[in-house]
Amino acid sequence: MVKNLTRKDRIERAIILIGIPILILLWMNLKGRKDVFNPAQLPPKGLANLSINLSSTSEVKKRYTPPSDWGRDPFYPQVTFNETAGGLSGDFVLNGIVWDKEAPYAIINGEIVKKGDIINNARVVDITENEVTLEYNGQHQTIQLVTF
């Protein structure tokens, strides 16, 4: 064996020594397979002759569950209050707060509201980083956001 090989020659020999066994393994693997790619089996050019088999879609439909059947979204903490004696009507769920000093927004019962908006006959008085204050018939009620 020649000891004075250049770097290029050593790289070529390494590629050959590694590549040949890989090619042999690939050839042995594909030798017995009947589903090997055959260009003669391709459809003629153009979309007019293209056919799509949709028989497997019924299996997908069986596994599909619409979002309405999923139940509660685990990523939204559900904080509720129901003030019966105080006059606030209905349950209010604070889903989240988008905090900005100039224009904060809150998500209450899935609706995006800002300061001054009315939701279920209650006016949004204030939105802070952690809570929303609602007013109904002159009474204030605060909903706090649960943080994890």
C-alpha atoms as a PDB file:
ATOM      1  CA  MET A   1       0.000   0.000   0.000  1.00  0.00           C
ATOM      2  CA  VAL A   2       1.266   3.446  -0.863  1.00  0.00           C
ATOM      3  CA  LYS A   3       1.922   5.612   2.199  1.00  0.00           C
ATOM      4  CA  ASN A   4       2.413   8.933   0.429  1.00  0.00           C
ATOM      5  CA  LEU A   5      -1.208   9.619  -0.428  1.00  0.00           C
ATOM      6  CA  THR A   6      -2.498  13.142  -0.739  1.00  0.00           C
ATOM      7  CA  ARG A   7      -5.426  14.291   1.318  1.00  0.00           C
ATOM      8  CA  LYS A   8      -7.650  14.192  -1.758  1.00  0.00           C
ATOM      9  CA  ASP A   9      -6.703  10.550  -2.444  1.00  0.00           C
ATOM     10  CA  ARG A  10      -7.413   9.562   1.160  1.00  0.00           C
ATOM     11  CA  ILE A  11     -10.870  11.191   1.011  1.00  0.00           C
ATOM     12  CA  GLU A  12     -11.667   9.432  -2.281  1.00  0.00           C
ATOM     13  CA  ARG A  13     -10.649   6.060  -0.843  1.00  0.00           C
ATOM     14  CA  ALA A  14     -12.707   6.657   2.308  1.00  0.00           C
ATOM     15  CA  ILE A  15     -15.766   7.522   0.226  1.00  0.00           C
ATOM     16  CA  ILE A  16     -15.305   4.402  -1.881  1.00  0.00           C
ATOM     17  CA  LEU A  17     -14.765   2.169   1.171  1.00  0.00           C
ATOM     18  CA  ILE A  18     -17.897   3.534   2.861  1.00  0.00           C
ATOM     19  CA  GLY A  19     -20.022   3.988  -0.269  1.00  0.00           C
ATOM     20  CA  ILE A  20     -19.660   0.505  -1.752  1.00  0.00           C
ATOM     21  CA  PRO A  21     -21.076  -1.344   1.295  1.00  0.00           C
ATOM     22  CA  ILE A  22     -23.949   1.153   1.476  1.00  0.00           C
ATOM     23  CA  LEU A  23     -24.773   0.597  -2.197  1.00  0.00           C
ATOM     24  CA  ILE A  24     -24.625  -3.179  -1.720  1.00  0.00           C
ATOM     25  CA  LEU A  25     -27.011  -2.966   1.242  1.00  0.00           C
ATOM     26  CA  LEU A  26     -29.418  -0.772  -0.707  1.00  0.00           C
ATOM     27  CA  TRP A  27     -29.306  -3.118  -3.699  1.00  0.00           C
ATOM     28  CA  MET A  28     -29.953  -6.152  -1.468  1.00  0.00           C
ATOM     29  CA  ASN A  29     -32.858  -4.354   0.210  1.00  0.00           C
ATOM     30  CA  LEU A  30     -34.492  -3.338  -3.076  1.00  0.00           C
ATOM     31  CA  LYS A  31     -33.771  -6.593  -4.891  1.00  0.00           C
ATOM     32  CA  GLY A  32     -36.769  -8.508  -3.523  1.00  0.00           C
ATOM     33  CA  ARG A  33     -39.229  -5.610  -3.417  1.00  0.00           C
ATOM     34  CA  LYS A  34     -41.996  -5.381  -5.974  1.00  0.00           C
ATOM     35  CA  ASP A  35     -42.958  -1.794  -5.196  1.00  0.00           C
ATOM     36  CA  VAL A  36     -39.709  -0.292  -6.499  1.00  0.00           C
ATOM     37  CA  PHE A  37     -40.172   2.911  -8.473  1.00  0.00           C
ATOM     38  CA  ASN A  38     -40.887   2.211 -12.117  1.00  0.00           C
ATOM     39  CA  PRO A  39     -41.145   5.235 -14.428  1.00  0.00           C
ATOM     40  CA  ALA A  40     -43.303   3.215 -16.852  1.00  0.00           C
ATOM     41  CA  GLN A  41     -46.052   3.117 -14.206  1.00  0.00           C
ATOM     42  CA  LEU A  42     -46.368   6.913 -14.057  1.00  0.00           C
ATOM     43  CA  PRO A  43     -49.558   8.386 -15.513  1.00  0.00           C
ATOM     44  CA  PRO A  44     -49.305  10.292 -18.767  1.00  0.00           C
ATOM     45  CA  LYS A  45     -48.394  13.960 -18.544  1.00  0.00           C
ATOM     46  CA  GLY A  46     -51.214  16.353 -17.779  1.00  0.00           C
ATOM     47  CA  LEU A  47     -53.849  16.566 -15.078  1.00  0.00           C
ATOM     48  CA  ALA A  48     -56.684  15.268 -17.256  1.00  0.00           C
ATOM     49  CA  ASN A  49     -55.578  11.666 -16.742  1.00  0.00           C
ATOM     50  CA  LEU A  50     -54.843  12.018 -13.042  1.00  0.00           C
ATOM     51  CA  SER A  51     -57.077   9.988 -10.740  1.00  0.00           C
ATOM     52  CA  ILE A  52     -57.180  10.185  -6.972  1.00  0.00           C
ATOM     53  CA  ASN A  53     -58.287   7.337  -4.738  1.00  0.00           C
ATOM     54  CA  LEU A  54     -60.521   8.744  -1.993  1.00  0.00           C
ATOM     55  CA  SER A  55     -61.535   5.438  -0.450  1.00  0.00           C
ATOM     56  CA  SER A  56     -59.352   6.001   2.621  1.00  0.00           C
ATOM     57  CA  THR A  57     -61.098   9.265   3.616  1.00  0.00           C
ATOM     58  CA  SER A  58     -63.889   7.389   5.390  1.00  0.00           C
ATOM     59  CA  GLU A  59     -61.302   6.051   7.828  1.00  0.00           C
ATOM     60  CA  VAL A  60     -60.103   9.589   8.523  1.00  0.00           C
ATOM     61  CA  LYS A  61     -63.673  10.799   9.100  1.00  0.00           C
ATOM     62  CA  LYS A  62     -64.218   8.050  11.675  1.00  0.00           C
ATOM     63  CA  ARG A  63     -61.234   9.287  13.715  1.00  0.00           C
ATOM     64  CA  TYR A  64     -62.092  13.003  13.415  1.00  0.00           C
ATOM     65  CA  THR A  65     -63.659  14.685  16.445  1.00  0.00           C
ATOM     66  CA  PRO A  66     -65.016  18.203  15.919  1.00  0.00           C
ATOM     67  CA  PRO A  67     -63.675  20.887  18.293  1.00  0.00           C
ATOM     68  CA  SER A  68     -67.125  21.306  19.845  1.00  0.00           C
ATOM     69  CA  ASP A  69     -66.809  17.790  21.298  1.00  0.00           C
ATOM     70  CA  TRP A  70     -63.378  18.369  22.847  1.00  0.00           C
ATOM     71  CA  GLY A  71     -64.716  19.961  26.030  1.00  0.00           C
ATOM     72  CA  ARG A  72     -62.963  22.741  27.941  1.00  0.00           C
ATOM     73  CA  ASP A  73     -59.755  24.205  26.542  1.00  0.00           C
ATOM     74  CA  PRO A  74     -57.047  23.369  29.111  1.00  0.00           C
ATOM     75  CA  PHE A  75     -55.017  26.447  28.148  1.00  0.00           C
ATOM     76  CA  TYR A  76     -57.698  28.923  29.293  1.00  0.00           C
ATOM     77  CA  PRO A  77     -58.040  29.196  33.062  1.00  0.00           C
ATOM     78  CA  GLN A  78     -61.720  29.517  33.874  1.00  0.00           C
ATOM     79  CA  VAL A  79     -62.392  31.993  36.646  1.00  0.00           C
ATOM     80  CA  THR A  80     -66.053  32.720  37.251  1.00  0.00           C
ATOM     81  CA  PHE A  81     -68.223  34.651  39.638  1.00  0.00           C
ATOM     82  CA  ASN A  82     -71.967  34.778  39.880  1.00  0.00           C
ATOM     83  CA  GLU A  83     -73.269  37.719  41.872  1.00  0.00           C
ATOM     84  CA  THR A  84     -76.909  37.050  42.639  1.00  0.00           C
ATOM     85  CA  ALA A  85     -77.517  39.464  45.509  1.00  0.00           C
ATOM     86  CA  GLY A  86     -75.417  42.303  44.123  1.00  0.00           C
ATOM     87  CA  GLY A  87     -77.226  42.653  40.834  1.00  0.00           C
ATOM     88  CA  LEU A  88     -74.656  41.483  38.286  1.00  0.00           C
ATOM     89  CA  SER A  89     -76.473  39.117  35.995  1.00  0.00           C
ATOM     90  CA  GLY A  90     -74.893  35.987  34.591  1.00  0.00           C
ATOM     91  CA  ASP A  91     -71.542  34.348  34.898  1.00  0.00           C
ATOM     92  CA  PHE A  92     -68.425  36.133  33.715  1.00  0.00           C
ATOM     93  CA  VAL A  93     -65.370  34.153  32.706  1.00  0.00           C
ATOM     94  CA  LEU A  94     -62.092  36.036  32.376  1.00  0.00           C
ATOM     95  CA  ASN A  95     -60.242  34.083  29.704  1.00  0.00           C
ATOM     96  CA  GLY A  96     -57.262  36.402  29.360  1.00  0.00           C
ATOM     97  CA  ILE A  97     -55.817  39.898  29.335  1.00  0.00           C
ATOM     98  CA  VAL A  98     -53.795  41.510  26.573  1.00  0.00           C
ATOM     99  CA  TRP A  99     -51.900  44.115  28.534  1.00  0.00           C
ATOM    100  CA  ASP A 100     -50.764  47.430  27.072  1.00  0.00           C
ATOM    101  CA  LYS A 101     -50.593  50.700  29.049  1.00  0.00           C
ATOM    102  CA  GLU A 102     -52.400  52.726  26.394  1.00  0.00           C
ATOM    103  CA  ALA A 103     -54.864  50.114  25.074  1.00  0.00           C
ATOM    104  CA  PRO A 104     -55.414  47.054  27.286  1.00  0.00           C
ATOM    105  CA  TYR A 105     -57.880  44.399  26.184  1.00  0.00           C
ATOM    106  CA  ALA A 106     -59.590  41.594  28.078  1.00  0.00           C
ATOM    107  CA  ILE A 107     -61.229  38.414  26.914  1.00  0.00           C
ATOM    108  CA  ILE A 108     -64.437  37.882  28.877  1.00  0.00           C
ATOM    109  CA  ASN A 109     -66.751  34.982  27.998  1.00  0.00           C
ATOM    110  CA  GLY A 110     -64.754  34.569  24.787  1.00  0.00           C
ATOM    111  CA  GLU A 111     -65.382  38.188  23.700  1.00  0.00           C
ATOM    112  CA  ILE A 112     -62.609  40.741  23.289  1.00  0.00           C
ATOM    113  CA  VAL A 113     -63.477  43.909  25.218  1.00  0.00           C
ATOM    114  CA  LYS A 114     -61.754  47.183  26.081  1.00  0.00           C
ATOM    115  CA  LYS A 115     -62.377  49.855  28.684  1.00  0.00           C
ATOM    116  CA  GLY A 116     -65.870  51.320  28.207  1.00  0.00           C
ATOM    117  CA  ASP A 117     -67.336  48.304  26.362  1.00  0.00           C
ATOM    118  CA  ILE A 118     -70.533  46.661  27.594  1.00  0.00           C
ATOM    119  CA  ILE A 119     -70.861  42.912  27.998  1.00  0.00           C
ATOM    120  CA  ASN A 120     -74.015  41.246  29.405  1.00  0.00           C
ATOM    121  CA  ASN A 121     -75.288  44.673  30.582  1.00  0.00           C
ATOM    122  CA  ALA A 122     -72.091  45.296  32.566  1.00  0.00           C
ATOM    123  CA  ARG A 123     -69.654  48.060  31.561  1.00  0.00           C
ATOM    124  CA  VAL A 124     -65.899  47.437  31.613  1.00  0.00           C
ATOM    125  CA  VAL A 125     -64.553  50.082  33.991  1.00  0.00           C
ATOM    126  CA  ASP A 126     -60.881  49.170  34.243  1.00  0.00           C
ATOM    127  CA  ILE A 127     -58.414  46.611  32.944  1.00  0.00           C
ATOM    128  CA  THR A 128     -55.140  46.031  34.767  1.00  0.00           C
ATOM    129  CA  GLU A 129     -52.452  43.415  34.269  1.00  0.00           C
ATOM    130  CA  ASN A 130     -54.218  40.892  36.536  1.00  0.00           C
ATOM    131  CA  GLU A 131     -57.871  41.887  36.809  1.00  0.00           C
ATOM    132  CA  VAL A 132     -60.892  43.454  35.146  1.00  0.00           C
ATOM    133  CA  THR A 133     -63.425  45.666  36.927  1.00  0.00           C
ATOM    134  CA  LEU A 134     -67.039  45.626  35.741  1.00  0.00           C
ATOM    135  CA  GLU A 135     -69.863  47.988  36.694  1.00  0.00           C
ATOM    136  CA  TYR A 136     -73.557  47.097  36.775  1.00  0.00           C
ATOM    137  CA  ASN A 137     -76.166  49.502  38.243  1.00  0.00           C
ATOM    138  CA  GLY A 138     -73.479  51.474  40.034  1.00  0.00           C
ATOM    139  CA  GLN A 139     -71.847  48.443  41.666  1.00  0.00           C
ATOM    140  CA  HIS A 140     -68.309  47.369  40.875  1.00  0.00           C
ATOM    141  CA  GLN A 141     -67.204  43.760  40.603  1.00  0.00           C
ATOM    142  CA  THR A 142     -63.607  42.663  40.002  1.00  0.00           C
ATOM    143  CA  ILE A 143     -62.631  39.487  38.149  1.00  0.00           C
ATOM    144  CA  GLN A 144     -59.063  38.366  38.805  1.00  0.00           C
ATOM    145  CA  LEU A 145     -56.998  36.453  36.310  1.00  0.00           C
ATOM    146  CA  VAL A 146     -55.607  33.183  37.588  1.00  0.00           C
ATOM    147  CA  THR A 147     -51.888  32.891  36.943  1.00  0.00           C
ATOM    148  CA  PHE A 148     -50.060  29.639  37.050  1.00  0.00           C
END
